[in-house]
Amino acid sequence: MNILRVPVTAGNMVEWVRKAATAINQLIQASEAPLPGPFADDSAANTGGVPVGGTYRKPDGTLGWRVS
């Protein structure tokens, strides 16, 4: 998932508010979605279908972020 980055200028305040609300909604949806796993490493996460840049649970309860 790509989190929206919001540039701010005085001329685009309405657009900024809309984009900020969209970004907040994306974060809420991401926090409510269950993470896949547990996976031991990136290779196991890949086999389990986690895309590059995706997060997954590790066996020790920490979060992993797939980088390759």
C-alpha atoms as a PDB file:
ATOM      1  CA  MET A   1       0.000   0.000   0.000  1.00  0.00           C
ATOM      2  CA  ASN A   2       1.262   3.461  -0.859  1.00  0.00           C
ATOM      3  CA  ILE A   3       0.553   6.095   1.756  1.00  0.00           C
ATOM      4  CA  LEU A   4      -0.415   9.409   0.202  1.00  0.00           C
ATOM      5  CA  ARG A   5       2.024  12.288   0.727  1.00  0.00           C
ATOM      6  CA  VAL A   6       0.389  15.682   0.976  1.00  0.00           C
ATOM      7  CA  PRO A   7       2.183  18.843  -0.227  1.00  0.00           C
ATOM      8  CA  VAL A   8       0.861  22.032   1.374  1.00  0.00           C
ATOM      9  CA  THR A   9       0.648  25.480  -0.194  1.00  0.00           C
ATOM     10  CA  ALA A  10      -1.688  28.361   0.561  1.00  0.00           C
ATOM     11  CA  GLY A  11      -3.432  27.918  -2.781  1.00  0.00           C
ATOM     12  CA  ASN A  12      -4.413  24.289  -2.376  1.00  0.00           C
ATOM     13  CA  MET A  13      -5.917  24.140   1.122  1.00  0.00           C
ATOM     14  CA  VAL A  14      -9.165  22.418   0.035  1.00  0.00           C
ATOM     15  CA  GLU A  15      -7.218  19.844  -1.950  1.00  0.00           C
ATOM     16  CA  TRP A  16      -4.827  19.392   0.988  1.00  0.00           C
ATOM     17  CA  VAL A  17      -7.722  18.666   3.364  1.00  0.00           C
ATOM     18  CA  ARG A  18      -9.169  16.115   0.916  1.00  0.00           C
ATOM     19  CA  LYS A  19      -5.793  14.378   0.489  1.00  0.00           C
ATOM     20  CA  ALA A  20      -5.143  14.433   4.244  1.00  0.00           C
ATOM     21  CA  ALA A  21      -8.536  12.807   4.881  1.00  0.00           C
ATOM     22  CA  THR A  22      -7.766  10.160   2.253  1.00  0.00           C
ATOM     23  CA  ALA A  23      -4.394   9.445   3.873  1.00  0.00           C
ATOM     24  CA  ILE A  24      -6.002   9.149   7.312  1.00  0.00           C
ATOM     25  CA  ASN A  25      -8.604   6.754   5.947  1.00  0.00           C
ATOM     26  CA  GLN A  26      -5.857   4.637   4.337  1.00  0.00           C
ATOM     27  CA  LEU A  27      -4.036   4.412   7.663  1.00  0.00           C
ATOM     28  CA  ILE A  28      -7.224   3.398   9.477  1.00  0.00           C
ATOM     29  CA  GLN A  29      -7.950   0.683   6.927  1.00  0.00           C
ATOM     30  CA  ALA A  30      -4.368  -0.592   7.089  1.00  0.00           C
ATOM     31  CA  SER A  31      -4.428  -0.754  10.887  1.00  0.00           C
ATOM     32  CA  GLU A  32      -7.666  -2.754  10.863  1.00  0.00           C
ATOM     33  CA  ALA A  33      -6.486  -5.313   8.307  1.00  0.00           C
ATOM     34  CA  PRO A  34      -4.944  -8.468   9.757  1.00  0.00           C
ATOM     35  CA  LEU A  35      -1.302  -8.925   8.809  1.00  0.00           C
ATOM     36  CA  PRO A  36      -0.205 -12.122   7.096  1.00  0.00           C
ATOM     37  CA  GLY A  37       2.160 -14.467   8.841  1.00  0.00           C
ATOM     38  CA  PRO A  38       3.943 -15.465  10.817  1.00  0.00           C
ATOM     39  CA  PHE A  39       6.853 -15.712   8.374  1.00  0.00           C
ATOM     40  CA  ALA A  40      10.471 -16.222   9.390  1.00  0.00           C
ATOM     41  CA  ASP A  41      11.996 -13.918   6.739  1.00  0.00           C
ATOM     42  CA  ASP A  42      11.464 -12.141   3.406  1.00  0.00           C
ATOM     43  CA  SER A  43      11.797 -15.381   1.468  1.00  0.00           C
ATOM     44  CA  ALA A  44       9.053 -17.072   3.472  1.00  0.00           C
ATOM     45  CA  ALA A  45       6.885 -13.939   3.207  1.00  0.00           C
ATOM     46  CA  ASN A  46       7.377 -13.985  -0.575  1.00  0.00           C
ATOM     47  CA  THR A  47       6.249 -17.607  -0.706  1.00  0.00           C
ATOM     48  CA  GLY A  48       3.237 -16.631   1.405  1.00  0.00           C
ATOM     49  CA  GLY A  49       2.232 -13.906  -1.074  1.00  0.00           C
ATOM     50  CA  VAL A  50       3.451 -10.769   0.721  1.00  0.00           C
ATOM     51  CA  PRO A  51       4.400  -8.154  -1.919  1.00  0.00           C
ATOM     52  CA  VAL A  52       7.661  -6.184  -1.801  1.00  0.00           C
ATOM     53  CA  GLY A  53       7.017  -3.254   0.554  1.00  0.00           C
ATOM     54  CA  GLY A  54       4.333  -5.203   2.417  1.00  0.00           C
ATOM     55  CA  THR A  55       4.359  -5.861   6.141  1.00  0.00           C
ATOM     56  CA  TYR A  56       4.017  -9.246   7.803  1.00  0.00           C
ATOM     57  CA  ARG A  57       4.138 -10.805  11.268  1.00  0.00           C
ATOM     58  CA  LYS A  58       7.263 -12.658  12.421  1.00  0.00           C
ATOM     59  CA  PRO A  59       7.176 -15.696  14.739  1.00  0.00           C
ATOM     60  CA  ASP A  60       8.459 -13.616  17.691  1.00  0.00           C
ATOM     61  CA  GLY A  61       5.528 -11.181  17.407  1.00  0.00           C
ATOM     62  CA  THR A  62       7.432  -8.341  15.734  1.00  0.00           C
ATOM     63  CA  LEU A  63       6.594  -6.882  12.339  1.00  0.00           C
ATOM     64  CA  GLY A  64       8.632  -7.449   9.224  1.00  0.00           C
ATOM     65  CA  TRP A  65       8.723  -5.293   6.110  1.00  0.00           C
ATOM     66  CA  ARG A  66       9.464  -7.151   2.908  1.00  0.00           C
ATOM     67  CA  VAL A  67      12.318  -5.457   1.055  1.00  0.00           C
ATOM     68  CA  SER A  68      13.273  -8.116  -1.499  1.00  0.00           C
END
